[in-house]
Structure formats: C-alpha cells, structure tokens
C-alpha cells in the first residue's frame, strides 16, 4: 500500500449490494498488490459462495466465522459464540497490521444483537495500525461505527426479487 492512512468504509442499509460492493473493493485491492483478509460473521461454510472461491484463487485470507443465518440456528448460544470467536480473530488481524484491507462482512449484526461490544469494535478500529483499511458491511450499522468511518454508504431497497419469492441465485447473489 502507499503508506497513506487507512480508511474505514461502512456499507449499510436494507438494500442489496453491501457485501458485493466490499468484494468489488477486494478485487481492486488484490489487483494493486494489497494483502486482503475477509471475516464473515454470519454465513457458514455451507454457503459455497463465488466470492470465497475467487478469494481462494487470489490468495485472500478468508475466515468463515458464522454458523449460518440466525433464523436457521438451532442453538443461539453457539451462534453467539461463533460471532464472538469471529470478532476475536478479526480483532487480531486488525491489530496485527499485516493486511492492507480487512473486510468485516455482516459485522453489524452481532453488534446489533449485543453479542459483540460496539465499544470494543470502535476502539479496535480507532487504534488500528495506520496502514490498515477496513470495510464493515451489514444492515443497521451502529451510530458509533458510522461515526468512526470515513465513508458510509447506505443501500436502500427499492425492490428485491426475494420479496416476490425468488430465492438467491449462484452467480448473482452468492
């Protein structure tokens, strides 16, 4: 990376494209020779996503920290522990300073649910090594996370295929 201060980007809102946007930046960063890590807080290994396949091919560090969508969980305590473990791993990556870009995919949800302390997240972001860029994705970004960000984009749903019963599709949605 160029030695400039790293930025914090937040992609939030109820519209589609929060993670997709972050993964677009991931591709840009890799193309520029940056080291990139992704920590997913919700999706589990059951989801064989196109973005993870591409990231594996490109040498991106990818941590699947979730155990699936919360509404599918049979054990919310285990789901909460998985999110907390993912945060511990993400925090270590941030503090380690080895990556130019770290994507905290769907990190807003465990913060909203109270599983991860927002002050810890914000404090870690504030005290990160200067060269580390961070992207946080997910709905309902906490005001403190929005405040610490340099760029915040809110995706607003106008219409979504899922509302018409059309399920997520490989290649378009994952």
Foldseek 3Di string as FASTA:
>chain_A
DPPAFAFEEEEAADAPDQVVVVLVVVVVCLVVVFAEEEQELADAPVDPAPSVVVCVVSVHHYHDQAPHHPVPDPDVVVRLVSNVVSVVVQLCVQQVPRGQEYEHEQNQVSCVVVSDPVVVVLVSLVPGPRRHYYYYYYYPRDPSSVVSGPYYHYHYDPDDVVVVVDDDDHPPRD
